[in-house]
Amino acid sequence: MTLLQFRDLSVDYTSNDGIVPAVRGVTLGVEAGEILGIAGESGCGKTTLASTVLRLLPDSAQVRGEVLLDDIDILTMKWGPLRAVRWSQAAIVFQGALHALNPVQRIGDQIAEPIRLHQSVAEKQINTRVDELLTQVGLPASRAKSYPHQLSGGQRQRVMIAMA
């Protein structure tokens, strides 16, 4: 079963200099159980491609084609269902994870947020689940009390993986 599909996806950005093409005609699919890695030089469109999955592109982006998650086009999805997809069915872990984390919230609180939003877990069990997730990504449970700036770049990426 194909979980994620890009069909003839193209993305342009509008700038003061005109239209800047970022992604051109991408068609690919990811099956259940598969892992997809996207590699390329800086500026080749990797982040733009990944960001279309969760509609995280700026207003200046013009998107054409389809992004299907379980055969539902993310690009035409209303905001309520899209919000339900984020952090439950799809997530993105950026290389610079510091910018994706709230600098004034402790790591444990940030990991707990998607659990509260998307899972039926009793409030008293959430801290236990946060500790489990931190341990799964190779961080001590005590890091739940840390702020993002207190972690290394690799540790912040692991926090984002735990959230995902």
Protein backbone atom coordinates (compact mmCIF):
# COMPACT_ATOMS: atom_id res chain seq x y z
CA MET A 1 0.00 0.00 0.00
CA THR A 2 1.37 3.41 -0.97
CA LEU A 3 1.25 5.68 2.10
CA LEU A 4 2.69 8.84 0.56
CA GLN A 5 2.68 9.89 -3.07
CA PHE A 6 3.87 12.96 -4.92
CA ARG A 7 2.28 13.24 -8.37
CA ASP A 8 3.82 15.72 -10.80
CA LEU A 9 4.56 18.12 -7.92
CA SER A 10 5.99 21.51 -8.83
CA VAL A 11 6.61 24.45 -6.51
CA ASP A 12 7.53 28.02 -7.45
CA TYR A 13 8.27 30.94 -5.15
CA THR A 14 7.26 34.47 -6.03
CA SER A 15 9.89 37.06 -5.16
CA ASN A 16 10.77 40.64 -6.09
CA ASP A 17 12.85 39.14 -8.91
CA GLY A 18 9.90 37.23 -10.34
CA ILE A 19 9.05 33.55 -10.16
CA VAL A 20 11.73 31.22 -8.83
CA PRO A 21 11.26 27.51 -9.57
CA ALA A 22 12.08 25.27 -6.58
CA VAL A 23 10.69 21.81 -7.43
CA ARG A 24 9.82 20.51 -10.89
CA GLY A 25 7.59 17.55 -11.75
CA VAL A 26 8.37 15.22 -8.82
CA THR A 27 6.54 11.91 -8.92
CA LEU A 28 7.36 9.28 -6.30
CA GLY A 29 5.73 7.02 -3.76
CA VAL A 30 6.59 5.59 -0.37
CA GLU A 31 5.12 2.19 0.49
CA ALA A 32 4.26 0.97 3.98
CA GLY A 33 7.46 -0.04 5.76
CA GLU A 34 9.74 1.81 3.35
CA ILE A 35 12.15 4.56 4.27
CA LEU A 36 12.88 7.34 1.80
CA GLY A 37 15.99 9.48 1.97
CA ILE A 38 16.26 12.65 -0.10
CA ALA A 39 19.77 13.90 -0.80
CA GLY A 40 21.03 16.76 -2.89
CA GLU A 41 23.01 19.93 -2.91
CA SER A 42 21.98 23.01 -0.98
CA GLY A 43 19.09 24.82 -2.62
CA CYS A 44 17.92 21.91 -4.78
CA GLY A 45 14.42 21.75 -3.23
CA LYS A 46 14.68 19.01 -0.56
CA THR A 47 13.09 21.11 2.19
CA THR A 48 10.47 22.52 -0.16
CA LEU A 49 9.50 19.00 -1.23
CA ALA A 50 9.26 17.74 2.37
CA SER A 51 7.42 20.86 3.54
CA THR A 52 4.62 20.31 1.03
CA VAL A 53 3.60 17.15 2.91
CA LEU A 54 2.43 19.25 5.87
CA ARG A 55 1.67 22.44 3.91
CA LEU A 56 4.41 24.36 5.71
CA LEU A 57 5.35 26.48 2.70
CA PRO A 58 5.17 30.28 2.83
CA ASP A 59 2.35 32.19 1.15
CA SER A 60 4.72 33.04 -1.71
CA ALA A 61 4.76 29.39 -2.79
CA GLN A 62 2.71 28.29 -5.78
CA VAL A 63 2.12 24.53 -5.65
CA ARG A 64 0.87 22.35 -8.50
CA GLY A 65 0.32 18.60 -8.55
CA GLU A 66 -0.79 16.29 -5.79
CA VAL A 67 0.53 15.16 -2.42
CA LEU A 68 -1.44 12.09 -1.35
CA LEU A 69 -1.32 10.69 2.17
CA ASP A 70 -3.35 7.47 2.33
CA ASP A 71 -4.92 8.52 -1.01
CA ILE A 72 -6.13 11.87 0.38
CA ASP A 73 -4.71 15.01 -1.24
CA ILE A 74 -3.03 17.08 1.47
CA LEU A 75 -3.06 20.14 -0.79
CA THR A 76 -6.87 20.29 -0.85
CA MET A 77 -7.42 19.23 2.77
CA LYS A 78 -9.23 21.65 5.09
CA TRP A 79 -7.28 22.98 8.12
CA GLY A 80 -9.04 20.81 10.74
CA PRO A 81 -8.18 17.48 9.12
CA LEU A 82 -4.71 18.77 8.22
CA ARG A 83 -4.06 19.63 11.86
CA ALA A 84 -5.12 16.08 12.80
CA VAL A 85 -2.55 14.68 10.34
CA ARG A 86 0.34 16.75 11.70
CA TRP A 87 2.34 14.87 14.34
CA SER A 88 0.09 11.82 14.06
CA GLN A 89 0.42 10.52 10.49
CA ALA A 90 3.17 12.80 9.23
CA ALA A 91 5.97 14.85 10.73
CA ILE A 92 9.16 16.44 9.52
CA VAL A 93 12.46 16.66 11.37
CA PHE A 94 14.52 19.58 10.13
CA GLN A 95 18.30 19.54 10.38
CA GLY A 96 18.23 22.77 12.38
CA ALA A 97 15.86 21.43 15.04
CA LEU A 98 16.45 24.42 17.35
CA HIS A 99 14.24 26.54 15.10
CA ALA A 100 11.41 24.00 15.29
CA LEU A 101 11.38 23.86 19.10
CA ASN A 102 9.90 26.50 21.38
CA PRO A 103 12.86 28.07 23.23
CA VAL A 104 10.82 28.91 26.35
CA GLN A 105 9.21 25.49 26.82
CA ARG A 106 10.90 22.47 28.39
CA ILE A 107 11.55 19.52 26.09
CA GLY A 108 9.16 17.23 27.98
CA ASP A 109 6.28 19.67 27.56
CA GLN A 110 6.93 19.87 23.82
CA ILE A 111 7.00 16.09 23.43
CA ALA A 112 3.80 15.83 25.50
CA GLU A 113 1.85 18.27 23.31
CA PRO A 114 1.29 15.96 20.28
CA ILE A 115 0.52 13.09 22.66
CA ARG A 116 -2.25 15.19 24.23
CA LEU A 117 -3.56 16.23 20.82
CA HIS A 118 -3.50 12.90 19.01
CA GLN A 119 -3.52 10.02 21.47
CA SER A 120 -5.91 8.74 24.10
CA VAL A 121 -3.44 8.72 26.97
CA ALA A 122 -4.44 9.54 30.53
CA GLU A 123 -2.81 12.73 31.76
CA LYS A 124 -1.00 10.85 34.54
CA GLN A 125 0.57 8.54 31.92
CA ILE A 126 1.89 11.31 29.66
CA ASN A 127 5.12 11.87 31.62
CA THR A 128 5.80 8.13 31.53
CA ARG A 129 5.28 8.15 27.76
CA VAL A 130 7.60 11.17 27.37
CA ASP A 131 10.30 9.34 29.35
CA GLU A 132 9.85 6.23 27.15
CA LEU A 133 10.16 8.28 23.95
CA LEU A 134 13.30 10.05 25.15
CA THR A 135 14.84 6.70 26.05
CA GLN A 136 13.91 5.26 22.62
CA VAL A 137 15.88 8.02 20.88
CA GLY A 138 18.90 7.57 23.15
CA LEU A 139 18.39 10.47 25.57
CA PRO A 140 18.07 10.17 29.34
CA ALA A 141 14.58 10.79 30.66
CA SER A 142 16.01 13.60 32.80
CA ARG A 143 16.40 15.68 29.62
CA ALA A 144 12.62 16.28 29.71
CA LYS A 145 13.35 19.13 32.12
CA SER A 146 15.84 20.78 29.74
CA TYR A 147 15.25 23.72 27.42
CA PRO A 148 16.22 23.40 23.73
CA HIS A 149 19.28 25.65 24.07
CA GLN A 150 20.67 23.25 26.68
CA LEU A 151 20.90 20.42 24.14
CA SER A 152 23.32 19.78 21.30
CA GLY A 153 22.09 19.87 17.72
CA GLY A 154 21.95 16.08 17.54
CA GLN A 155 20.03 15.90 20.81
CA ARG A 156 17.50 18.45 19.52
CA GLN A 157 17.02 16.33 16.39
CA ARG A 158 16.36 13.30 18.60
CA VAL A 159 13.76 15.30 20.52
CA MET A 160 12.02 16.08 17.21
CA ILE A 161 12.14 12.36 16.30
CA ALA A 162 10.60 11.53 19.69
CA MET A 163 7.83 14.05 18.96
CA ALA A 164 7.25 12.52 15.54
